[in-house]
Each structure stands twice: as structure tokens, then as C-alpha cells.
PDB file of N, CA and C in Angstrom:
ATOM      1  N   MET A   1       0.597  -0.931   0.165  1.00  0.00           N
ATOM      2  CA  MET A   1      -0.023   0.292   0.167  1.00  0.00           C
ATOM      3  C   MET A   1       0.786   1.125  -0.196  1.00  0.00           C
ATOM      4  N   SER A   2       0.282   1.949  -0.735  1.00  0.00           N
ATOM      5  CA  SER A   2       1.531   3.467  -1.097  1.00  0.00           C
ATOM      6  C   SER A   2       0.800   4.728   0.085  1.00  0.00           C
ATOM      7  N   PRO A   3       1.843   5.590   0.485  1.00  0.00           N
ATOM      8  CA  PRO A   3       1.893   6.554   1.511  1.00  0.00           C
ATOM      9  C   PRO A   3       0.476   7.142   1.015  1.00  0.00           C
ATOM     10  N   PRO A   4       0.494   8.291   1.470  1.00  0.00           N
ATOM     11  CA  PRO A   4      -0.988   9.282   1.094  1.00  0.00           C
ATOM     12  C   PRO A   4      -0.398  10.134   0.325  1.00  0.00           C
ATOM     13  N   LEU A   5      -1.027  10.723  -0.108  1.00  0.00           N
ATOM     14  CA  LEU A   5      -0.165  11.957  -1.322  1.00  0.00           C
ATOM     15  C   LEU A   5      -0.408  13.756   0.210  1.00  0.00           C
ATOM     16  N   VAL A   6      -0.947  13.666   0.843  1.00  0.00           N
ATOM     17  CA  VAL A   6      -1.404  14.494   2.087  1.00  0.00           C
ATOM     18  C   VAL A   6      -0.918  14.315   3.018  1.00  0.00           C
ATOM     19  N   PRO A   7       0.161  14.860   4.243  1.00  0.00           N
ATOM     20  CA  PRO A   7      -0.025  14.685   4.962  1.00  0.00           C
ATOM     21  C   PRO A   7      -1.273  14.609   6.017  1.00  0.00           C
ATOM     22  N   SER A   8      -1.013  13.945   7.637  1.00  0.00           N
ATOM     23  CA  SER A   8      -2.200  13.817   7.857  1.00  0.00           C
ATOM     24  C   SER A   8      -1.622  15.324   8.830  1.00  0.00           C
ATOM     25  N   LEU A   9      -2.718  15.915   9.210  1.00  0.00           N
ATOM     26  CA  LEU A   9      -3.078  17.232  10.302  1.00  0.00           C
ATOM     27  C   LEU A   9      -1.797  17.080  11.583  1.00  0.00           C
ATOM     28  N   ASP A  10      -1.091  16.024  11.749  1.00  0.00           N
ATOM     29  CA  ASP A  10      -0.260  16.297  12.733  1.00  0.00           C
ATOM     30  C   ASP A  10       1.191  15.951  12.339  1.00  0.00           C
ATOM     31  N   ASP A  11       1.345  15.841  11.239  1.00  0.00           N
ATOM     32  CA  ASP A  11       2.739  16.256  10.533  1.00  0.00           C
ATOM     33  C   ASP A  11       3.372  17.567  10.819  1.00  0.00           C
ATOM     34  N   ASP A  12       4.514  17.659  10.819  1.00  0.00           N
ATOM     35  CA  ASP A  12       4.998  18.966  11.068  1.00  0.00           C
ATOM     36  C   ASP A  12       5.849  19.742   9.044  1.00  0.00           C
ATOM     37  N   LEU A  13       5.218  20.003   8.988  1.00  0.00           N
ATOM     38  CA  LEU A  13       5.232  21.198   7.635  1.00  0.00           C
ATOM     39  C   LEU A  13       5.927  22.346   7.785  1.00  0.00           C
ATOM     40  N   HIS A  14       6.786  22.293   6.662  1.00  0.00           N
ATOM     41  CA  HIS A  14       8.107  23.265   6.825  1.00  0.00           C
ATOM     42  C   HIS A  14       7.677  24.099   5.232  1.00  0.00           C
ATOM     43  N   PHE A  15       7.883  25.403   5.763  1.00  0.00           N
ATOM     44  CA  PHE A  15       7.823  26.313   4.058  1.00  0.00           C
ATOM     45  C   PHE A  15       8.873  27.232   4.493  1.00  0.00           C
ATOM     46  N   VAL A  16       9.551  27.997   2.980  1.00  0.00           N
ATOM     47  CA  VAL A  16      10.436  28.797   3.337  1.00  0.00           C
ATOM     48  C   VAL A  16       9.847  29.936   2.495  1.00  0.00           C
ATOM     49  N   LEU A  17      10.420  30.654   3.118  1.00  0.00           N
ATOM     50  CA  LEU A  17      10.207  32.211   2.606  1.00  0.00           C
ATOM     51  C   LEU A  17      11.366  32.737   1.555  1.00  0.00           C
ATOM     52  N   CYS A  18      10.978  33.572   0.988  1.00  0.00           N
ATOM     53  CA  CYS A  18      12.016  33.796  -0.131  1.00  0.00           C
ATOM     54  C   CYS A  18      12.053  35.539  -0.639  1.00  0.00           C
ATOM     55  N   ASP A  19      12.931  35.658  -0.814  1.00  0.00           N
ATOM     56  CA  ASP A  19      12.561  37.229  -1.366  1.00  0.00           C
ATOM     57  C   ASP A  19      13.186  37.421  -2.881  1.00  0.00           C
ATOM     58  N   PHE A  20      11.301  37.941  -3.244  1.00  0.00           N
ATOM     59  CA  PHE A  20      11.840  37.561  -4.704  1.00  0.00           C
ATOM     60  C   PHE A  20      11.502  39.313  -5.295  1.00  0.00           C
ATOM     61  N   GLY A  21      12.645  39.746  -4.885  1.00  0.00           N
ATOM     62  CA  GLY A  21      13.508  41.338  -5.376  1.00  0.00           C
ATOM     63  C   GLY A  21      11.753  42.531  -5.100  1.00  0.00           C
ATOM     64  N   LYS A  22      11.751  43.006  -6.761  1.00  0.00           N
ATOM     65  CA  LYS A  22      10.663  43.856  -6.525  1.00  0.00           C
ATOM     66  C   LYS A  22       9.434  43.541  -6.310  1.00  0.00           C
ATOM     67  N   ASN A  23       9.222  42.014  -6.116  1.00  0.00           N
ATOM     68  CA  ASN A  23       8.172  41.249  -5.912  1.00  0.00           C
ATOM     69  C   ASN A  23       7.604  41.323  -4.580  1.00  0.00           C
ATOM     70  N   GLY A  24       8.577  41.323  -3.698  1.00  0.00           N
ATOM     71  CA  GLY A  24       8.413  40.998  -2.229  1.00  0.00           C
ATOM     72  C   GLY A  24       8.612  40.043  -1.857  1.00  0.00           C
ATOM     73  N   HIS A  25       8.391  39.146  -0.928  1.00  0.00           N
ATOM     74  CA  HIS A  25       8.709  38.356   0.098  1.00  0.00           C
ATOM     75  C   HIS A  25       7.494  37.259  -0.591  1.00  0.00           C
ATOM     76  N   ALA A  26       7.543  35.930  -0.116  1.00  0.00           N
ATOM     77  CA  ALA A  26       6.524  34.951  -0.600  1.00  0.00           C
ATOM     78  C   ALA A  26       7.147  33.965  -0.215  1.00  0.00           C
ATOM     79  N   PHE A  27       5.847  33.313   0.323  1.00  0.00           N
ATOM     80  CA  PHE A  27       5.866  31.904   0.742  1.00  0.00           C
ATOM     81  C   PHE A  27       6.099  31.135  -0.534  1.00  0.00           C
ATOM     82  N   VAL A  28       7.074  30.211  -0.752  1.00  0.00           N
ATOM     83  CA  VAL A  28       7.380  29.356  -1.827  1.00  0.00           C
ATOM     84  C   VAL A  28       6.523  28.401  -1.956  1.00  0.00           C
ATOM     85  N   GLU A  29       5.695  28.488  -2.682  1.00  0.00           N
ATOM     86  CA  GLU A  29       4.235  27.201  -3.579  1.00  0.00           C
ATOM     87  C   GLU A  29       5.250  25.928  -2.573  1.00  0.00           C
ATOM     88  N   MET A  30       4.311  25.257  -1.944  1.00  0.00           N
ATOM     89  CA  MET A  30       5.110  23.757  -1.908  1.00  0.00           C
ATOM     90  C   MET A  30       3.809  22.455  -1.761  1.00  0.00           C
ATOM     91  N   ASP A  31       4.228  21.214  -2.522  1.00  0.00           N
ATOM     92  CA  ASP A  31       3.162  20.307  -1.754  1.00  0.00           C
ATOM     93  C   ASP A  31       3.337  20.052  -0.368  1.00  0.00           C
ATOM     94  N   PRO A  32       2.090  20.040   0.356  1.00  0.00           N
ATOM     95  CA  PRO A  32       2.314  19.325   1.621  1.00  0.00           C
ATOM     96  C   PRO A  32       2.935  18.221   1.681  1.00  0.00           C
ATOM     97  N   ALA A  33       2.904  17.078   0.698  1.00  0.00           N
ATOM     98  CA  ALA A  33       3.616  15.515   0.606  1.00  0.00           C
ATOM     99  C   ALA A  33       4.816  15.860   1.108  1.00  0.00           C
ATOM    100  N   HIS A  34       5.314  17.461   0.541  1.00  0.00           N
ATOM    101  CA  HIS A  34       7.249  17.205   0.447  1.00  0.00           C
ATOM    102  C   HIS A  34       7.289  18.184   1.478  1.00  0.00           C
ATOM    103  N   ALA A  35       6.739  18.487   2.110  1.00  0.00           N
ATOM    104  CA  ALA A  35       7.129  19.856   2.918  1.00  0.00           C
ATOM    105  C   ALA A  35       7.522  19.848   4.634  1.00  0.00           C
ATOM    106  N   ASP A  36       8.519  17.893   4.210  1.00  0.00           N
ATOM    107  CA  ASP A  36       9.229  17.884   5.538  1.00  0.00           C
ATOM    108  C   ASP A  36      10.211  18.355   5.621  1.00  0.00           C
ATOM    109  N   ARG A  37      10.822  18.198   6.320  1.00  0.00           N
ATOM    110  CA  ARG A  37      12.328  19.020   7.507  1.00  0.00           C
ATOM    111  C   ARG A  37      13.513  18.718   5.961  1.00  0.00           C
ATOM    112  N   ASN A  38      13.581  17.184   6.066  1.00  0.00           N
ATOM    113  CA  ASN A  38      14.392  16.308   5.486  1.00  0.00           C
ATOM    114  C   ASN A  38      14.657  17.053   3.824  1.00  0.00           C
ATOM    115  N   THR A  39      13.515  17.454   3.395  1.00  0.00           N
ATOM    116  CA  THR A  39      13.144  17.506   1.738  1.00  0.00           C
ATOM    117  C   THR A  39      13.425  19.330   1.391  1.00  0.00           C
ATOM    118  N   ILE A  40      13.356  20.091   2.344  1.00  0.00           N
ATOM    119  CA  ILE A  40      13.781  21.239   2.485  1.00  0.00           C
ATOM    120  C   ILE A  40      14.954  22.057   2.533  1.00  0.00           C
ATOM    121  N   ILE A  41      15.657  20.875   3.263  1.00  0.00           N
ATOM    122  CA  ILE A  41      17.145  20.627   3.774  1.00  0.00           C
ATOM    123  C   ILE A  41      17.806  20.678   2.339  1.00  0.00           C
ATOM    124  N   ARG A  42      17.320  19.223   1.642  1.00  0.00           N
ATOM    125  CA  ARG A  42      17.887  18.833   0.454  1.00  0.00           C
ATOM    126  C   ARG A  42      17.826  19.843  -0.755  1.00  0.00           C
ATOM    127  N   ASN A  43      16.776  20.233  -1.241  1.00  0.00           N
ATOM    128  CA  ASN A  43      16.147  21.555  -1.743  1.00  0.00           C
ATOM    129  C   ASN A  43      17.139  22.694  -1.380  1.00  0.00           C
ATOM    130  N   LEU A  44      17.718  23.093  -0.165  1.00  0.00           N
ATOM    131  CA  LEU A  44      18.014  24.196   0.315  1.00  0.00           C
ATOM    132  C   LEU A  44      19.622  23.783  -0.888  1.00  0.00           C
ATOM    133  N   ILE A  45      19.972  22.819  -0.320  1.00  0.00           N
ATOM    134  CA  ILE A  45      21.773  22.085  -0.760  1.00  0.00           C
ATOM    135  C   ILE A  45      21.559  22.256  -2.474  1.00  0.00           C
ATOM    136  N   ALA A  46      20.062  21.903  -2.527  1.00  0.00           N
ATOM    137  CA  ALA A  46      20.590  21.917  -4.392  1.00  0.00           C
ATOM    138  C   ALA A  46      20.431  23.451  -5.113  1.00  0.00           C
ATOM    139  N   GLY A  47      20.391  24.558  -4.479  1.00  0.00           N
ATOM    140  CA  GLY A  47      19.825  25.354  -4.321  1.00  0.00           C
ATOM    141  C   GLY A  47      18.426  25.907  -5.231  1.00  0.00           C
ATOM    142  N   GLU A  48      17.254  24.609  -4.723  1.00  0.00           N
ATOM    143  CA  GLU A  48      16.372  25.011  -5.541  1.00  0.00           C
ATOM    144  C   GLU A  48      15.570  26.266  -4.927  1.00  0.00           C
ATOM    145  N   TYR A  49      15.993  27.509  -4.000  1.00  0.00           N
ATOM    146  CA  TYR A  49      15.496  28.305  -3.650  1.00  0.00           C
ATOM    147  C   TYR A  49      16.650  29.442  -3.882  1.00  0.00           C
ATOM    148  N   GLU A  50      15.952  30.280  -4.848  1.00  0.00           N
ATOM    149  CA  GLU A  50      17.475  31.477  -5.210  1.00  0.00           C
ATOM    150  C   GLU A  50      18.124  32.330  -4.012  1.00  0.00           C
ATOM    151  N   ARG A  51      16.798  32.883  -3.136  1.00  0.00           N
ATOM    152  CA  ARG A  51      17.288  33.884  -2.677  1.00  0.00           C
ATOM    153  C   ARG A  51      16.038  33.416  -0.962  1.00  0.00           C
ATOM    154  N   PRO A  52      16.444  32.711  -0.003  1.00  0.00           N
ATOM    155  CA  PRO A  52      15.674  32.067   0.995  1.00  0.00           C
ATOM    156  C   PRO A  52      16.113  33.078   1.782  1.00  0.00           C
ATOM    157  N   LEU A  53      14.734  33.111   2.803  1.00  0.00           N
ATOM    158  CA  LEU A  53      15.457  34.333   3.965  1.00  0.00           C
ATOM    159  C   LEU A  53      14.961  33.068   5.620  1.00  0.00           C
ATOM    160  N   SER A  54      14.057  32.504   5.325  1.00  0.00           N
ATOM    161  CA  SER A  54      13.679  31.943   6.149  1.00  0.00           C
ATOM    162  C   SER A  54      13.084  30.582   5.983  1.00  0.00           C
ATOM    163  N   VAL A  55      12.686  29.772   7.203  1.00  0.00           N
ATOM    164  CA  VAL A  55      12.277  28.362   6.935  1.00  0.00           C
ATOM    165  C   VAL A  55      10.959  28.303   8.451  1.00  0.00           C
ATOM    166  N   VAL A  56      10.131  28.291   7.784  1.00  0.00           N
ATOM    167  CA  VAL A  56       8.594  28.271   8.722  1.00  0.00           C
ATOM    168  C   VAL A  56       8.509  26.790   8.631  1.00  0.00           C
ATOM    169  N   ALA A  57       8.208  26.335  10.220  1.00  0.00           N
ATOM    170  CA  ALA A  57       7.909  25.089  10.575  1.00  0.00           C
ATOM    171  C   ALA A  57       6.017  24.960  11.149  1.00  0.00           C
ATOM    172  N   PHE A  58       5.375  24.291  10.843  1.00  0.00           N
ATOM    173  CA  PHE A  58       3.925  24.722  12.120  1.00  0.00           C
ATOM    174  C   PHE A  58       3.397  22.918  11.990  1.00  0.00           C
ATOM    175  N   ASN A  59       2.732  22.751  12.908  1.00  0.00           N
ATOM    176  CA  ASN A  59       1.636  21.632  12.771  1.00  0.00           C
ATOM    177  C   ASN A  59       0.279  21.913  13.492  1.00  0.00           C
ATOM    178  N   LEU A  60      -0.632  22.007  12.775  1.00  0.00           N
ATOM    179  CA  LEU A  60      -1.783  22.051  12.941  1.00  0.00           C
ATOM    180  C   LEU A  60      -2.268  21.183  14.326  1.00  0.00           C
ATOM    181  N   ALA A  61      -2.146  20.050  14.212  1.00  0.00           N
ATOM    182  CA  ALA A  61      -2.556  19.300  15.150  1.00  0.00           C
ATOM    183  C   ALA A  61      -2.492  19.397  16.503  1.00  0.00           C
ATOM    184  N   GLU A  62      -1.210  20.201  16.563  1.00  0.00           N
ATOM    185  CA  GLU A  62      -0.444  20.341  17.955  1.00  0.00           C
ATOM    186  C   GLU A  62      -0.806  21.624  18.308  1.00  0.00           C
ATOM    187  N   GLY A  63      -0.930  22.686  17.421  1.00  0.00           N
ATOM    188  CA  GLY A  63      -1.238  24.236  17.276  1.00  0.00           C
ATOM    189  C   GLY A  63      -0.063  25.183  17.470  1.00  0.00           C
ATOM    190  N   TRP A  64       0.984  24.972  16.536  1.00  0.00           N
ATOM    191  CA  TRP A  64       2.462  25.578  16.669  1.00  0.00           C
ATOM    192  C   TRP A  64       2.453  26.083  15.599  1.00  0.00           C
ATOM    193  N   ALA A  65       3.734  26.616  15.590  1.00  0.00           N
ATOM    194  CA  ALA A  65       4.408  27.515  14.485  1.00  0.00           C
ATOM    195  C   ALA A  65       6.154  27.990  14.768  1.00  0.00           C
ATOM    196  N   CYS A  66       6.862  27.656  14.672  1.00  0.00           N
ATOM    197  CA  CYS A  66       8.260  28.655  14.435  1.00  0.00           C
ATOM    198  C   CYS A  66       9.236  28.516  13.954  1.00  0.00           C
ATOM    199  N   ASP A  67      10.117  29.657  13.931  1.00  0.00           N
ATOM    200  CA  ASP A  67      11.651  29.432  12.826  1.00  0.00           C
ATOM    201  C   ASP A  67      12.270  28.804  12.919  1.00  0.00           C
ATOM    202  N   VAL A  68      12.637  27.819  11.828  1.00  0.00           N
ATOM    203  CA  VAL A  68      13.593  26.748  12.229  1.00  0.00           C
ATOM    204  C   VAL A  68      14.493  27.051  11.312  1.00  0.00           C
ATOM    205  N   SER A  69      15.017  28.339  11.016  1.00  0.00           N
ATOM    206  CA  SER A  69      15.895  28.548  10.031  1.00  0.00           C
ATOM    207  C   SER A  69      17.420  28.162  10.036  1.00  0.00           C
ATOM    208  N   GLN A  70      17.382  28.195  12.086  1.00  0.00           N
ATOM    209  CA  GLN A  70      18.473  28.352  12.408  1.00  0.00           C
ATOM    210  C   GLN A  70      19.097  26.882  12.462  1.00  0.00           C
ATOM    211  N   SER A  71      17.827  26.018  13.142  1.00  0.00           N
ATOM    212  CA  SER A  71      18.078  24.465  13.129  1.00  0.00           C
ATOM    213  C   SER A  71      18.332  23.843  11.884  1.00  0.00           C
ATOM    214  N   VAL A  72      17.506  24.610  10.323  1.00  0.00           N
ATOM    215  CA  VAL A  72      17.777  23.546   9.067  1.00  0.00           C
ATOM    216  C   VAL A  72      19.273  24.277   8.343  1.00  0.00           C
ATOM    217  N   ALA A  73      19.363  25.950   9.137  1.00  0.00           N
ATOM    218  CA  ALA A  73      20.914  25.862   8.369  1.00  0.00           C
ATOM    219  C   ALA A  73      22.123  25.292   9.221  1.00  0.00           C
ATOM    220  N   LYS A  74      22.170  24.492  10.594  1.00  0.00           N
ATOM    221  CA  LYS A  74      22.753  23.892  10.828  1.00  0.00           C
ATOM    222  C   LYS A  74      23.210  22.715  10.449  1.00  0.00           C
ATOM    223  N   ALA A  75      21.416  21.913   9.592  1.00  0.00           N
ATOM    224  CA  ALA A  75      22.164  20.729   8.920  1.00  0.00           C
ATOM    225  C   ALA A  75      22.808  20.807   7.913  1.00  0.00           C
ATOM    226  N   ILE A  76      22.333  22.181   6.938  1.00  0.00           N
ATOM    227  CA  ILE A  76      23.098  22.020   5.757  1.00  0.00           C
ATOM    228  C   ILE A  76      24.171  22.389   6.412  1.00  0.00           C
ATOM    229  N   VAL A  77      25.048  22.750   7.036  1.00  0.00           N
ATOM    230  CA  VAL A  77      26.242  23.079   7.476  1.00  0.00           C
ATOM    231  C   VAL A  77      26.826  21.493   7.458  1.00  0.00           C
ATOM    232  N   LYS A  78      26.108  20.943   8.284  1.00  0.00           N
ATOM    233  CA  LYS A  78      26.592  19.446   8.621  1.00  0.00           C
ATOM    234  C   LYS A  78      26.801  19.025   7.640  1.00  0.00           C
ATOM    235  N   ALA A  79      25.970  18.968   6.923  1.00  0.00           N
ATOM    236  CA  ALA A  79      25.722  17.691   5.595  1.00  0.00           C
ATOM    237  C   ALA A  79      27.491  18.604   4.472  1.00  0.00           C
ATOM    238  N   ASN A  80      28.110  19.805   4.826  1.00  0.00           N
ATOM    239  CA  ASN A  80      28.928  20.152   4.498  1.00  0.00           C
ATOM    240  C   ASN A  80      29.284  19.598   3.051  1.00  0.00           C
ATOM    241  N   ALA A  81      27.947  20.960   2.351  1.00  0.00           N
ATOM    242  CA  ALA A  81      28.025  20.029   0.901  1.00  0.00           C
ATOM    243  C   ALA A  81      28.565  21.782   0.110  1.00  0.00           C
ATOM    244  N   SER A  82      28.494  21.824  -1.054  1.00  0.00           N
ATOM    245  CA  SER A  82      28.986  23.116  -2.007  1.00  0.00           C
ATOM    246  C   SER A  82      27.511  23.938  -2.004  1.00  0.00           C
ATOM    247  N   LEU A  83      27.312  24.792  -1.494  1.00  0.00           N
ATOM    248  CA  LEU A  83      26.033  25.708  -1.796  1.00  0.00           C
ATOM    249  C   LEU A  83      26.131  26.948  -2.917  1.00  0.00           C
ATOM    250  N   THR A  84      25.150  27.538  -3.351  1.00  0.00           N
ATOM    251  CA  THR A  84      24.843  28.055  -4.131  1.00  0.00           C
ATOM    252  C   THR A  84      24.339  29.713  -2.886  1.00  0.00           C
ATOM    253  N   ALA A  85      25.188  30.787  -3.529  1.00  0.00           N
ATOM    254  CA  ALA A  85      25.137  31.999  -2.875  1.00  0.00           C
ATOM    255  C   ALA A  85      23.948  32.162  -2.379  1.00  0.00           C
ATOM    256  N   GLY A  86      22.751  32.032  -2.795  1.00  0.00           N
ATOM    257  CA  GLY A  86      21.755  32.343  -1.498  1.00  0.00           C
ATOM    258  C   GLY A  86      21.236  31.497  -0.979  1.00  0.00           C
ATOM    259  N   THR A  87      21.738  30.328  -1.106  1.00  0.00           N
ATOM    260  CA  THR A  87      21.936  29.123   0.299  1.00  0.00           C
ATOM    261  C   THR A  87      22.863  29.336   1.451  1.00  0.00           C
ATOM    262  N   ARG A  88      24.015  30.057   0.974  1.00  0.00           N
ATOM    263  CA  ARG A  88      25.351  30.456   1.705  1.00  0.00           C
ATOM    264  C   ARG A  88      24.711  31.482   2.717  1.00  0.00           C
ATOM    265  N   GLU A  89      24.062  32.451   1.826  1.00  0.00           N
ATOM    266  CA  GLU A  89      23.454  33.704   2.215  1.00  0.00           C
ATOM    267  C   GLU A  89      22.307  33.477   3.859  1.00  0.00           C
ATOM    268  N   PHE A  90      21.527  32.605   3.528  1.00  0.00           N
ATOM    269  CA  PHE A  90      20.194  32.370   4.515  1.00  0.00           C
ATOM    270  C   PHE A  90      21.521  31.432   5.395  1.00  0.00           C
ATOM    271  N   VAL A  91      22.028  30.648   4.877  1.00  0.00           N
ATOM    272  CA  VAL A  91      22.941  29.521   6.204  1.00  0.00           C
ATOM    273  C   VAL A  91      23.314  30.801   7.242  1.00  0.00           C
ATOM    274  N   GLU A  92      24.319  31.634   6.042  1.00  0.00           N
ATOM    275  CA  GLU A  92      25.018  32.568   7.670  1.00  0.00           C
ATOM    276  C   GLU A  92      24.300  33.584   8.201  1.00  0.00           C
ATOM    277  N   ASN A  93      23.118  34.347   7.693  1.00  0.00           N
ATOM    278  CA  ASN A  93      21.927  35.046   8.643  1.00  0.00           C
ATOM    279  C   ASN A  93      21.332  34.207   9.428  1.00  0.00           C
ATOM    280  N   ALA A  94      20.700  33.019   9.190  1.00  0.00           N
ATOM    281  CA  ALA A  94      20.186  31.982  10.322  1.00  0.00           C
ATOM    282  C   ALA A  94      21.075  31.866  11.568  1.00  0.00           C
ATOM    283  N   CYS A  95      22.419  31.462  11.060  1.00  0.00           N
ATOM    284  CA  CYS A  95      23.796  31.334  12.349  1.00  0.00           C
ATOM    285  C   CYS A  95      23.542  32.233  12.791  1.00  0.00           C
ATOM    286  N   ARG A  96      23.565  33.594  12.597  1.00  0.00           N
ATOM    287  CA  ARG A  96      23.291  34.922  13.797  1.00  0.00           C
ATOM    288  C   ARG A  96      22.526  35.011  14.406  1.00  0.00           C
ATOM    289  N   ARG A  97      21.321  34.272  14.130  1.00  0.00           N
ATOM    290  CA  ARG A  97      19.979  34.688  14.689  1.00  0.00           C
ATOM    291  C   ARG A  97      20.017  34.020  16.084  1.00  0.00           C
ATOM    292  N   THR A  98      19.138  34.393  17.182  1.00  0.00           N
ATOM    293  CA  THR A  98      18.566  33.996  18.409  1.00  0.00           C
ATOM    294  C   THR A  98      17.835  32.655  17.875  1.00  0.00           C
ATOM    295  N   SER A  99      17.974  32.301  19.317  1.00  0.00           N
ATOM    296  CA  SER A  99      17.038  30.556  19.508  1.00  0.00           C
ATOM    297  C   SER A  99      15.496  30.254  18.796  1.00  0.00           C
ATOM    298  N   SER A 100      14.670  29.599  18.581  1.00  0.00           N
ATOM    299  CA  SER A 100      13.808  30.035  17.707  1.00  0.00           C
ATOM    300  C   SER A 100      12.622  29.857  18.902  1.00  0.00           C
ATOM    301  N   HIS A 101      11.168  30.086  18.468  1.00  0.00           N
ATOM    302  CA  HIS A 101      10.212  30.403  19.867  1.00  0.00           C
ATOM    303  C   HIS A 101       9.436  29.851  18.899  1.00  0.00           C
ATOM    304  N   LYS A 102       8.613  28.905  19.660  1.00  0.00           N
ATOM    305  CA  LYS A 102       7.530  28.067  18.837  1.00  0.00           C
ATOM    306  C   LYS A 102       6.138  28.896  19.866  1.00  0.00           C
ATOM    307  N   MET A 103       5.258  29.311  18.375  1.00  0.00           N
ATOM    308  CA  MET A 103       4.254  30.163  18.587  1.00  0.00           C
ATOM    309  C   MET A 103       3.559  29.416  18.651  1.00  0.00           C
ATOM    310  N   THR A 104       2.483  29.176  19.948  1.00  0.00           N
ATOM    311  CA  THR A 104       1.168  28.482  20.084  1.00  0.00           C
ATOM    312  C   THR A 104      -0.032  29.792  19.043  1.00  0.00           C
ATOM    313  N   ALA A 105      -1.424  29.198  19.245  1.00  0.00           N
ATOM    314  CA  ALA A 105      -2.610  29.648  19.234  1.00  0.00           C
ATOM    315  C   ALA A 105      -2.723  30.733  20.284  1.00  0.00           C
ATOM    316  N   GLN A 106      -2.453  30.059  21.656  1.00  0.00           N
ATOM    317  CA  GLN A 106      -2.712  31.127  22.487  1.00  0.00           C
ATOM    318  C   GLN A 106      -1.957  31.763  22.522  1.00  0.00           C
ATOM    319  N   ASP A 107      -0.620  31.901  22.041  1.00  0.00           N
ATOM    320  CA  ASP A 107       0.398  33.305  21.833  1.00  0.00           C
ATOM    321  C   ASP A 107      -0.291  34.146  21.459  1.00  0.00           C
ATOM    322  N   ARG A 108      -0.863  33.825  20.224  1.00  0.00           N
ATOM    323  CA  ARG A 108      -1.241  34.976  19.583  1.00  0.00           C
ATOM    324  C   ARG A 108      -2.800  35.741  19.713  1.00  0.00           C
ATOM    325  N   SER A 109      -3.303  35.062  21.279  1.00  0.00           N
ATOM    326  CA  SER A 109      -4.705  35.337  20.720  1.00  0.00           C
ATOM    327  C   SER A 109      -4.744  36.996  22.192  1.00  0.00           C
TER     328      SER A 109
END
């Protein structure tokens, strides 16, 4: 039996915020079935995002969202791969940031 195409509501989903120059910032459209942490890391290493700014993870079932850029950047550094200029800049910026903060639905009210 093959896995479902859409992740369940209790899966952590990851999305990349990119800088599109004059068009502004936006989250890159992503198939939820491929929005897991490891896929995002592989895509960043492969240079799939020209100017990534941050990576945000959320889990609808658990009611949280957080900036995981620093954790993702550390995983990219650990991979010791050759990086595109955009990914290298993302890693440098993310490593300078302070620790991540989970924002729950209660924090937002």
C-alpha cells in the first residue's frame, strides 16, 4: 500500500520564505506531501530557492508554528556540501539569529 499523498494534520510542515526582489517576499508554493524538514534541507542544498530568507515549521494538530531557520542552517552546514550564493547567505544569516520560538494559538490571542 502506498503512503497518502497529503500528510495528516499531525505532521510537521515546513515552508521557505524567499525574497523575490521587486515582487517582495513570499512563501514558496510547496506540495504538503513534500514539505518535510529533510526535503527542505535537500532543496536548499540543491539551490532550489534563489534567495531563501527563513524556514517556518508548523503543526496544525499540535497548534504551533516556529522559525526553524537556525536548525535547518545547522543541518546544511553539517552536510558539508557546496552551496549556491543564496543558500550560503541564508545559512550565514540564520546562524547569527537567536534561538527559535514556538508560537502557539494561545500566544497569538
